[in-house]
Amino acid sequence: MVKPDARKSFPVSWDQFHRDARALAWRLADKGPFEAIVCITRGGLVPAAIVARELDLRLVETVCVASYHDYANQGAIKLLKPIAPSVLAIGNGRGKGILLIDDLTDTGKTAKLVRDMLPDAHFATVYAKPAGAPLCDTFITEVSQDTWIFFPWDLDLTYVEPIRDGAKKE
């Protein structure tokens, strides 16, 4: 496994993620009305739950896509579970009235796959990188393309080398 460069990492705590997901809900509050959320699993599950609560949306569906097959390296996109036909039928059948949620858009490959399924949906992410940001309608924080975001569900309390020490070559 390729380890992300510690100098270009962006660790996100549960508190910070919750604040950022609520900020996303605030930005989305006047963009609807939305009848349903489709979250891109797995990363979209947590922000979708927070946004669903804040916007009082009860219909939450998943589209299951895998792209990071060995954690650090993005590979071929695999659709593991499509969107339920009952949700696809909402609005104009092209996503109008549906809110797509993910934690991050990185290269935009996953976003493009799901946007092709629901081209009229509103796509929102908590974080965006430059390659994927143009596919988003709404996001909270942009980070550089070479930054690795460590989400709270991926972290454990452990010692971290100082940036200066991690940069030394032995």
N, C-alpha and C. Protein backbone atom coordinates (compact mmCIF):
# COMPACT_ATOMS: atom_id res chain seq x y z
N MET A 1 0.84 -1.18 0.00
CA MET A 1 0.00 0.00 0.00
C MET A 1 0.89 1.24 0.00
N VAL A 2 0.53 2.22 -0.79
CA VAL A 2 1.24 3.48 -0.84
C VAL A 2 0.74 4.34 0.31
N LYS A 3 1.67 4.81 1.14
CA LYS A 3 1.27 5.66 2.25
C LYS A 3 1.20 7.11 1.78
N PRO A 4 0.11 7.80 2.10
CA PRO A 4 0.01 9.21 1.73
C PRO A 4 1.12 10.02 2.41
N ASP A 5 1.58 11.05 1.76
CA ASP A 5 2.61 11.93 2.29
C ASP A 5 2.04 12.69 3.49
N ALA A 6 2.65 12.50 4.66
CA ALA A 6 2.15 13.13 5.89
C ALA A 6 2.17 14.65 5.81
N ARG A 7 3.05 15.21 4.97
CA ARG A 7 3.10 16.66 4.86
C ARG A 7 1.92 17.23 4.08
N LYS A 8 1.25 16.41 3.31
CA LYS A 8 0.10 16.85 2.52
C LYS A 8 -1.17 16.16 2.99
N SER A 9 -1.27 15.95 4.28
CA SER A 9 -2.46 15.30 4.81
C SER A 9 -3.36 16.33 5.48
N PHE A 10 -4.63 16.01 5.52
CA PHE A 10 -5.64 16.87 6.11
C PHE A 10 -6.49 15.99 7.03
N PRO A 11 -6.06 15.81 8.29
CA PRO A 11 -6.86 14.99 9.21
C PRO A 11 -8.08 15.76 9.68
N VAL A 12 -9.22 15.09 9.66
CA VAL A 12 -10.48 15.72 10.04
C VAL A 12 -11.04 14.98 11.26
N SER A 13 -11.29 15.71 12.34
CA SER A 13 -11.87 15.12 13.54
C SER A 13 -13.38 14.95 13.37
N TRP A 14 -13.99 14.16 14.26
CA TRP A 14 -15.45 14.02 14.24
C TRP A 14 -16.12 15.37 14.42
N ASP A 15 -15.62 16.18 15.35
CA ASP A 15 -16.22 17.50 15.58
C ASP A 15 -16.15 18.37 14.33
N GLN A 16 -14.98 18.39 13.71
CA GLN A 16 -14.83 19.21 12.50
C GLN A 16 -15.72 18.70 11.38
N PHE A 17 -15.78 17.40 11.20
CA PHE A 17 -16.61 16.85 10.14
C PHE A 17 -18.08 17.18 10.37
N HIS A 18 -18.51 17.07 11.61
CA HIS A 18 -19.90 17.40 11.94
C HIS A 18 -20.19 18.87 11.63
N ARG A 19 -19.28 19.76 12.03
CA ARG A 19 -19.46 21.19 11.72
C ARG A 19 -19.50 21.43 10.22
N ASP A 20 -18.61 20.78 9.48
CA ASP A 20 -18.57 20.97 8.03
C ASP A 20 -19.82 20.41 7.35
N ALA A 21 -20.31 19.27 7.82
CA ALA A 21 -21.53 18.69 7.24
C ALA A 21 -22.75 19.57 7.56
N ARG A 22 -22.78 20.16 8.75
CA ARG A 22 -23.88 21.08 9.08
C ARG A 22 -23.77 22.36 8.24
N ALA A 23 -22.55 22.81 7.99
CA ALA A 23 -22.36 23.98 7.12
C ALA A 23 -22.86 23.65 5.71
N LEU A 24 -22.64 22.43 5.27
CA LEU A 24 -23.16 22.01 3.97
C LEU A 24 -24.69 22.08 3.97
N ALA A 25 -25.31 21.61 5.05
CA ALA A 25 -26.78 21.67 5.15
C ALA A 25 -27.26 23.12 5.10
N TRP A 26 -26.56 24.02 5.76
CA TRP A 26 -26.94 25.44 5.71
C TRP A 26 -26.91 25.96 4.28
N ARG A 27 -25.86 25.60 3.54
CA ARG A 27 -25.75 26.06 2.15
C ARG A 27 -26.84 25.46 1.26
N LEU A 28 -27.28 24.26 1.62
CA LEU A 28 -28.28 23.57 0.80
C LEU A 28 -29.71 23.96 1.14
N ALA A 29 -29.91 24.58 2.29
CA ALA A 29 -31.26 24.85 2.80
C ALA A 29 -32.14 25.60 1.81
N ASP A 30 -31.59 26.51 1.03
CA ASP A 30 -32.40 27.28 0.09
C ASP A 30 -32.21 26.83 -1.36
N LYS A 31 -31.58 25.67 -1.56
CA LYS A 31 -31.33 25.19 -2.93
C LYS A 31 -32.40 24.22 -3.42
N GLY A 32 -33.27 23.75 -2.55
CA GLY A 32 -34.27 22.74 -2.87
C GLY A 32 -35.46 23.34 -3.59
N PRO A 33 -36.61 22.73 -3.43
CA PRO A 33 -36.89 21.66 -2.46
C PRO A 33 -36.34 20.32 -2.92
N PHE A 34 -35.95 19.52 -1.92
CA PHE A 34 -35.47 18.17 -2.17
C PHE A 34 -36.48 17.18 -1.62
N GLU A 35 -36.72 16.12 -2.36
CA GLU A 35 -37.62 15.06 -1.92
C GLU A 35 -36.85 13.88 -1.36
N ALA A 36 -35.59 13.73 -1.74
CA ALA A 36 -34.80 12.57 -1.31
C ALA A 36 -33.32 12.91 -1.38
N ILE A 37 -32.56 12.12 -0.63
CA ILE A 37 -31.10 12.15 -0.69
C ILE A 37 -30.65 10.82 -1.26
N VAL A 38 -29.69 10.88 -2.17
CA VAL A 38 -28.98 9.69 -2.61
C VAL A 38 -27.54 9.90 -2.17
N CYS A 39 -27.09 9.05 -1.27
CA CYS A 39 -25.70 9.19 -0.82
C CYS A 39 -24.83 8.15 -1.51
N ILE A 40 -23.62 8.57 -1.81
CA ILE A 40 -22.65 7.69 -2.45
C ILE A 40 -21.88 7.00 -1.33
N THR A 41 -22.02 5.67 -1.29
CA THR A 41 -21.36 4.95 -0.21
C THR A 41 -19.94 4.58 -0.61
N ARG A 42 -19.16 4.52 0.45
CA ARG A 42 -19.49 4.58 1.86
C ARG A 42 -19.33 5.98 2.43
N GLY A 43 -18.45 6.77 1.86
CA GLY A 43 -18.14 8.07 2.43
C GLY A 43 -19.32 9.00 2.58
N GLY A 44 -20.32 8.90 1.73
CA GLY A 44 -21.46 9.79 1.79
C GLY A 44 -22.47 9.48 2.88
N LEU A 45 -22.33 8.32 3.53
CA LEU A 45 -23.31 7.93 4.55
C LEU A 45 -23.38 8.91 5.72
N VAL A 46 -22.23 9.28 6.26
CA VAL A 46 -22.22 10.15 7.44
C VAL A 46 -22.73 11.55 7.11
N PRO A 47 -22.20 12.22 6.07
CA PRO A 47 -22.75 13.55 5.78
C PRO A 47 -24.22 13.50 5.38
N ALA A 48 -24.66 12.42 4.71
CA ALA A 48 -26.07 12.31 4.33
C ALA A 48 -26.96 12.24 5.55
N ALA A 49 -26.53 11.52 6.58
CA ALA A 49 -27.32 11.44 7.82
C ALA A 49 -27.44 12.81 8.47
N ILE A 50 -26.37 13.56 8.49
CA ILE A 50 -26.39 14.90 9.10
C ILE A 50 -27.25 15.85 8.28
N VAL A 51 -27.07 15.86 6.97
CA VAL A 51 -27.86 16.73 6.10
C VAL A 51 -29.34 16.35 6.14
N ALA A 52 -29.63 15.05 6.15
CA ALA A 52 -31.02 14.59 6.21
C ALA A 52 -31.69 15.10 7.48
N ARG A 53 -30.99 15.06 8.59
CA ARG A 53 -31.55 15.57 9.85
C ARG A 53 -31.79 17.07 9.76
N GLU A 54 -30.81 17.79 9.28
CA GLU A 54 -30.89 19.26 9.26
C GLU A 54 -31.95 19.76 8.29
N LEU A 55 -32.15 19.05 7.18
CA LEU A 55 -33.13 19.48 6.18
C LEU A 55 -34.46 18.73 6.30
N ASP A 56 -34.56 17.87 7.32
CA ASP A 56 -35.77 17.09 7.59
C ASP A 56 -36.18 16.25 6.38
N LEU A 57 -35.20 15.57 5.80
CA LEU A 57 -35.46 14.66 4.69
C LEU A 57 -35.48 13.23 5.24
N ARG A 58 -36.52 12.48 4.90
CA ARG A 58 -36.68 11.13 5.43
C ARG A 58 -36.35 10.03 4.42
N LEU A 59 -36.38 10.37 3.14
CA LEU A 59 -36.09 9.38 2.11
C LEU A 59 -34.60 9.46 1.76
N VAL A 60 -33.86 8.45 2.23
CA VAL A 60 -32.41 8.41 2.00
C VAL A 60 -32.09 7.09 1.30
N GLU A 61 -31.51 7.19 0.13
CA GLU A 61 -31.17 6.04 -0.69
C GLU A 61 -29.66 6.01 -0.86
N THR A 62 -29.12 4.86 -1.23
CA THR A 62 -27.69 4.75 -1.49
C THR A 62 -27.45 4.32 -2.93
N VAL A 63 -26.32 4.75 -3.44
CA VAL A 63 -25.75 4.18 -4.65
C VAL A 63 -24.36 3.74 -4.21
N CYS A 64 -24.05 2.47 -4.43
CA CYS A 64 -22.81 1.90 -3.91
C CYS A 64 -21.78 1.79 -5.02
N VAL A 65 -20.71 2.54 -4.83
CA VAL A 65 -19.65 2.64 -5.82
C VAL A 65 -18.32 2.38 -5.12
N ALA A 66 -17.46 1.61 -5.73
CA ALA A 66 -16.12 1.37 -5.18
C ALA A 66 -15.10 1.89 -6.18
N SER A 67 -14.16 2.69 -5.67
CA SER A 67 -13.09 3.16 -6.53
C SER A 67 -11.73 3.03 -5.85
N TYR A 68 -11.69 3.10 -4.51
CA TYR A 68 -10.42 2.91 -3.80
C TYR A 68 -10.39 1.47 -3.31
N HIS A 69 -9.71 0.62 -4.07
CA HIS A 69 -9.72 -0.81 -3.78
C HIS A 69 -8.62 -1.22 -2.81
N ASP A 70 -7.59 -0.40 -2.66
CA ASP A 70 -6.54 -0.71 -1.68
C ASP A 70 -6.27 0.49 -0.78
N TYR A 71 -7.30 1.27 -0.49
CA TYR A 71 -7.31 2.41 0.43
C TYR A 71 -6.62 3.65 -0.14
N ALA A 72 -5.40 3.53 -0.62
CA ALA A 72 -4.67 4.72 -1.01
C ALA A 72 -4.66 5.00 -2.51
N ASN A 73 -4.96 3.99 -3.32
CA ASN A 73 -4.87 4.16 -4.76
C ASN A 73 -6.23 3.98 -5.41
N GLN A 74 -6.63 4.98 -6.18
CA GLN A 74 -7.90 4.88 -6.87
C GLN A 74 -7.74 4.00 -8.10
N GLY A 75 -8.68 3.08 -8.26
CA GLY A 75 -8.64 2.17 -9.40
C GLY A 75 -9.87 2.35 -10.27
N ALA A 76 -10.25 1.27 -10.93
CA ALA A 76 -11.43 1.29 -11.79
C ALA A 76 -12.69 1.46 -10.94
N ILE A 77 -13.63 2.23 -11.46
CA ILE A 77 -14.89 2.46 -10.77
C ILE A 77 -15.78 1.23 -10.95
N LYS A 78 -16.36 0.76 -9.85
CA LYS A 78 -17.27 -0.38 -9.90
C LYS A 78 -18.60 0.03 -9.27
N LEU A 79 -19.68 -0.12 -10.01
CA LEU A 79 -21.02 0.10 -9.47
C LEU A 79 -21.45 -1.19 -8.78
N LEU A 80 -21.58 -1.14 -7.46
CA LEU A 80 -21.93 -2.32 -6.69
C LEU A 80 -23.44 -2.44 -6.45
N LYS A 81 -24.13 -1.29 -6.36
CA LYS A 81 -25.58 -1.27 -6.19
C LYS A 81 -26.12 0.00 -6.82
N PRO A 82 -27.03 -0.14 -7.78
CA PRO A 82 -27.60 1.06 -8.41
C PRO A 82 -28.65 1.73 -7.51
N ILE A 83 -29.13 2.85 -7.94
CA ILE A 83 -30.17 3.59 -7.24
C ILE A 83 -31.51 2.88 -7.45
N ALA A 84 -32.30 2.78 -6.40
CA ALA A 84 -33.60 2.10 -6.48
C ALA A 84 -34.49 2.79 -7.52
N PRO A 85 -35.23 2.01 -8.31
CA PRO A 85 -36.13 2.58 -9.33
C PRO A 85 -37.14 3.57 -8.75
N SER A 86 -37.61 3.34 -7.54
CA SER A 86 -38.59 4.25 -6.93
C SER A 86 -38.00 5.64 -6.72
N VAL A 87 -36.71 5.71 -6.42
CA VAL A 87 -36.05 7.01 -6.24
C VAL A 87 -35.74 7.62 -7.60
N LEU A 88 -35.34 6.80 -8.54
CA LEU A 88 -35.07 7.31 -9.89
C LEU A 88 -36.32 7.94 -10.51
N ALA A 89 -37.49 7.52 -10.08
CA ALA A 89 -38.75 8.03 -10.63
C ALA A 89 -39.17 9.38 -10.05
N ILE A 90 -38.46 9.85 -9.03
CA ILE A 90 -38.82 11.13 -8.41
C ILE A 90 -38.62 12.26 -9.41
N GLY A 91 -39.50 13.25 -9.34
CA GLY A 91 -39.38 14.44 -10.18
C GLY A 91 -39.51 14.11 -11.65
N ASN A 92 -38.51 14.50 -12.41
CA ASN A 92 -38.56 14.31 -13.86
C ASN A 92 -37.88 13.02 -14.32
N GLY A 93 -37.50 12.17 -13.37
CA GLY A 93 -36.83 10.92 -13.73
C GLY A 93 -35.35 11.10 -14.04
N ARG A 94 -34.87 12.33 -13.96
CA ARG A 94 -33.46 12.64 -14.22
C ARG A 94 -32.78 13.22 -12.99
N GLY A 95 -33.46 13.15 -11.83
CA GLY A 95 -32.84 13.61 -10.59
C GLY A 95 -33.36 14.92 -10.05
N LYS A 96 -34.27 15.59 -10.74
CA LYS A 96 -34.81 16.84 -10.21
C LYS A 96 -35.47 16.54 -8.86
N GLY A 97 -35.11 17.31 -7.85
CA GLY A 97 -35.64 17.10 -6.50
C GLY A 97 -34.84 16.13 -5.67
N ILE A 98 -33.73 15.65 -6.23
CA ILE A 98 -32.87 14.72 -5.50
C ILE A 98 -31.55 15.41 -5.15
N LEU A 99 -31.10 15.17 -3.94
CA LEU A 99 -29.83 15.70 -3.46
C LEU A 99 -28.83 14.55 -3.40
N LEU A 100 -27.76 14.64 -4.17
CA LEU A 100 -26.67 13.67 -4.14
C LEU A 100 -25.65 14.14 -3.12
N ILE A 101 -25.24 13.25 -2.23
CA ILE A 101 -24.29 13.63 -1.18
C ILE A 101 -23.11 12.67 -1.17
N ASP A 102 -21.91 13.23 -1.04
CA ASP A 102 -20.70 12.45 -0.81
C ASP A 102 -19.81 13.22 0.15
N ASP A 103 -18.82 12.52 0.72
CA ASP A 103 -17.90 13.19 1.62
C ASP A 103 -16.89 14.03 0.85
N LEU A 104 -16.47 13.54 -0.32
CA LEU A 104 -15.38 14.15 -1.07
C LEU A 104 -15.55 13.85 -2.55
N THR A 105 -15.24 14.81 -3.38
CA THR A 105 -15.01 14.51 -4.78
C THR A 105 -13.53 14.75 -5.04
N ASP A 106 -12.87 13.71 -5.52
CA ASP A 106 -11.43 13.72 -5.69
C ASP A 106 -11.09 13.94 -7.17
N THR A 107 -11.05 12.87 -7.94
CA THR A 107 -10.75 13.00 -9.37
C THR A 107 -12.00 13.35 -10.17
N GLY A 108 -13.17 13.11 -9.59
CA GLY A 108 -14.42 13.35 -10.28
C GLY A 108 -14.97 12.12 -10.98
N LYS A 109 -14.24 11.00 -10.97
CA LYS A 109 -14.69 9.79 -11.66
C LYS A 109 -16.00 9.26 -11.07
N THR A 110 -16.05 9.14 -9.75
CA THR A 110 -17.27 8.66 -9.10
C THR A 110 -18.40 9.66 -9.31
N ALA A 111 -18.10 10.94 -9.15
CA ALA A 111 -19.11 11.97 -9.34
C ALA A 111 -19.70 11.91 -10.74
N LYS A 112 -18.86 11.72 -11.74
CA LYS A 112 -19.35 11.65 -13.12
C LYS A 112 -20.27 10.45 -13.32
N LEU A 113 -19.88 9.31 -12.78
CA LEU A 113 -20.70 8.10 -12.91
C LEU A 113 -22.10 8.34 -12.33
N VAL A 114 -22.16 8.92 -11.14
CA VAL A 114 -23.45 9.12 -10.49
C VAL A 114 -24.22 10.28 -11.12
N ARG A 115 -23.52 11.32 -11.53
CA ARG A 115 -24.20 12.44 -12.21
C ARG A 115 -24.82 11.98 -13.53
N ASP A 116 -24.18 11.04 -14.19
CA ASP A 116 -24.76 10.50 -15.43
C ASP A 116 -26.08 9.78 -15.15
N MET A 117 -26.21 9.19 -13.96
CA MET A 117 -27.46 8.52 -13.58
C MET A 117 -28.56 9.52 -13.26
N LEU A 118 -28.18 10.64 -12.64
CA LEU A 118 -29.13 11.67 -12.19
C LEU A 118 -28.62 13.05 -12.60
N PRO A 119 -28.65 13.36 -13.89
CA PRO A 119 -28.04 14.61 -14.34
C PRO A 119 -28.68 15.89 -13.80
N ASP A 120 -29.94 15.84 -13.38
CA ASP A 120 -30.60 17.05 -12.87
C ASP A 120 -30.58 17.14 -11.35
N ALA A 121 -29.94 16.17 -10.67
CA ALA A 121 -29.84 16.21 -9.21
C ALA A 121 -28.86 17.32 -8.80
N HIS A 122 -28.99 17.74 -7.55
CA HIS A 122 -28.05 18.71 -6.97
C HIS A 122 -26.97 17.90 -6.26
N PHE A 123 -25.71 18.04 -6.71
CA PHE A 123 -24.61 17.25 -6.16
C PHE A 123 -23.83 18.09 -5.16
N ALA A 124 -23.75 17.59 -3.91
CA ALA A 124 -23.07 18.32 -2.84
C ALA A 124 -22.08 17.41 -2.12
N THR A 125 -20.92 17.96 -1.83
CA THR A 125 -19.91 17.24 -1.07
C THR A 125 -19.38 18.14 0.03
N VAL A 126 -18.83 17.52 1.04
CA VAL A 126 -18.24 18.30 2.12
C VAL A 126 -16.90 18.87 1.65
N TYR A 127 -16.09 18.04 1.02
CA TYR A 127 -14.77 18.46 0.56
C TYR A 127 -14.65 18.20 -0.94
N ALA A 128 -13.82 19.01 -1.60
CA ALA A 128 -13.62 18.87 -3.04
C ALA A 128 -12.17 19.15 -3.39
N LYS A 129 -11.67 18.42 -4.36
CA LYS A 129 -10.35 18.68 -4.92
C LYS A 129 -10.56 19.31 -6.30
N PRO A 130 -9.57 20.03 -6.81
CA PRO A 130 -9.76 20.76 -8.07
C PRO A 130 -10.26 19.93 -9.25
N ALA A 131 -9.82 18.69 -9.38
CA ALA A 131 -10.26 17.87 -10.51
C ALA A 131 -11.73 17.50 -10.43
N GLY A 132 -12.27 17.38 -9.21
CA GLY A 132 -13.66 16.99 -9.05
C GLY A 132 -14.60 18.14 -8.76
N ALA A 133 -14.08 19.27 -8.31
CA ALA A 133 -14.92 20.41 -7.92
C ALA A 133 -15.88 20.88 -9.01
N PRO A 134 -15.50 20.90 -10.29
CA PRO A 134 -16.44 21.36 -11.31
C PRO A 134 -17.71 20.51 -11.42
N LEU A 135 -17.66 19.27 -10.93
CA LEU A 135 -18.84 18.41 -10.98
C LEU A 135 -19.80 18.66 -9.82
N CYS A 136 -19.35 19.42 -8.83
CA CYS A 136 -20.17 19.71 -7.64
C CYS A 136 -21.00 20.97 -7.87
N ASP A 137 -22.21 20.94 -7.34
CA ASP A 137 -23.02 22.15 -7.29
C ASP A 137 -22.72 22.93 -6.02
N THR A 138 -22.44 22.20 -4.93
CA THR A 138 -22.17 22.83 -3.63
C THR A 138 -21.12 22.00 -2.90
N PHE A 139 -20.14 22.67 -2.30
CA PHE A 139 -19.20 22.01 -1.40
C PHE A 139 -18.73 23.03 -0.37
N ILE A 140 -18.10 22.55 0.69
CA ILE A 140 -17.68 23.43 1.78
C ILE A 140 -16.22 23.82 1.67
N THR A 141 -15.32 22.86 1.55
CA THR A 141 -13.88 23.14 1.60
C THR A 141 -13.18 22.50 0.41
N GLU A 142 -12.33 23.28 -0.25
CA GLU A 142 -11.50 22.75 -1.32
C GLU A 142 -10.09 22.54 -0.79
N VAL A 143 -9.50 21.40 -1.12
CA VAL A 143 -8.12 21.10 -0.76
C VAL A 143 -7.37 20.80 -2.04
N SER A 144 -6.04 20.90 -2.00
CA SER A 144 -5.24 20.66 -3.20
C SER A 144 -5.37 19.21 -3.64
N GLN A 145 -5.12 18.98 -4.92
CA GLN A 145 -5.30 17.65 -5.50
C GLN A 145 -4.39 16.62 -4.84
N ASP A 146 -3.21 17.05 -4.38
CA ASP A 146 -2.26 16.10 -3.80
C ASP A 146 -2.39 15.96 -2.29
N THR A 147 -3.45 16.50 -1.71
CA THR A 147 -3.69 16.37 -0.28
C THR A 147 -4.55 15.13 -0.03
N TRP A 148 -4.16 14.34 0.98
CA TRP A 148 -4.93 13.17 1.37
C TRP A 148 -5.77 13.55 2.59
N ILE A 149 -7.07 13.39 2.49
CA ILE A 149 -7.96 13.68 3.62
C ILE A 149 -8.12 12.41 4.44
N PHE A 150 -7.81 12.52 5.73
CA PHE A 150 -8.03 11.43 6.66
C PHE A 150 -9.34 11.70 7.38
N PHE A 151 -10.38 10.93 7.06
CA PHE A 151 -11.68 11.11 7.68
C PHE A 151 -11.69 10.48 9.07
N PRO A 152 -12.55 10.98 9.95
CA PRO A 152 -12.52 10.49 11.34
C PRO A 152 -12.78 8.99 11.46
N TRP A 153 -13.54 8.42 10.55
CA TRP A 153 -13.80 6.98 10.62
C TRP A 153 -12.60 6.16 10.17
N ASP A 154 -11.56 6.83 9.63
CA ASP A 154 -10.34 6.14 9.22
C ASP A 154 -9.20 6.30 10.22
N LEU A 155 -9.44 7.02 11.30
CA LEU A 155 -8.36 7.40 12.21
C LEU A 155 -8.46 6.68 13.55
N ASP A 156 -7.31 6.60 14.20
CA ASP A 156 -7.20 6.12 15.56
C ASP A 156 -6.16 7.01 16.23
N LEU A 157 -6.21 7.08 17.54
CA LEU A 157 -5.23 7.91 18.25
C LEU A 157 -3.88 7.21 18.23
N THR A 158 -2.90 7.90 17.66
CA THR A 158 -1.55 7.35 17.56
C THR A 158 -0.56 8.49 17.42
N TYR A 159 0.68 8.22 17.70
CA TYR A 159 1.74 9.22 17.56
C TYR A 159 1.94 9.56 16.09
N VAL A 160 2.16 10.83 15.81
CA VAL A 160 2.42 11.31 14.45
C VAL A 160 3.76 12.03 14.46
N GLU A 161 4.60 11.70 13.50
CA GLU A 161 5.89 12.39 13.36
C GLU A 161 5.65 13.87 13.06
N PRO A 162 6.43 14.78 13.66
CA PRO A 162 6.34 16.17 13.27
C PRO A 162 6.65 16.33 11.78
N ILE A 163 6.06 17.31 11.16
CA ILE A 163 6.26 17.52 9.71
C ILE A 163 7.74 17.56 9.38
N ARG A 164 8.51 18.30 10.19
CA ARG A 164 9.95 18.44 9.94
C ARG A 164 10.65 17.11 9.99
N ASP A 165 10.32 16.28 11.00
CA ASP A 165 10.99 14.99 11.12
C ASP A 165 10.57 14.03 10.02
N GLY A 166 9.32 14.12 9.61
CA GLY A 166 8.82 13.24 8.55
C GLY A 166 9.43 13.57 7.20
N ALA A 167 9.95 14.79 7.05
CA ALA A 167 10.53 15.21 5.78
C ALA A 167 11.98 14.78 5.63
N LYS A 168 12.64 14.35 6.73
CA LYS A 168 14.04 13.95 6.65
C LYS A 168 14.18 12.65 5.88
N LYS A 169 15.19 12.61 5.07
CA LYS A 169 15.53 11.38 4.32
C LYS A 169 16.64 10.67 5.06
N GLU A 170 16.46 9.40 5.29
CA GLU A 170 17.48 8.62 6.00
C GLU A 170 18.37 7.89 5.04
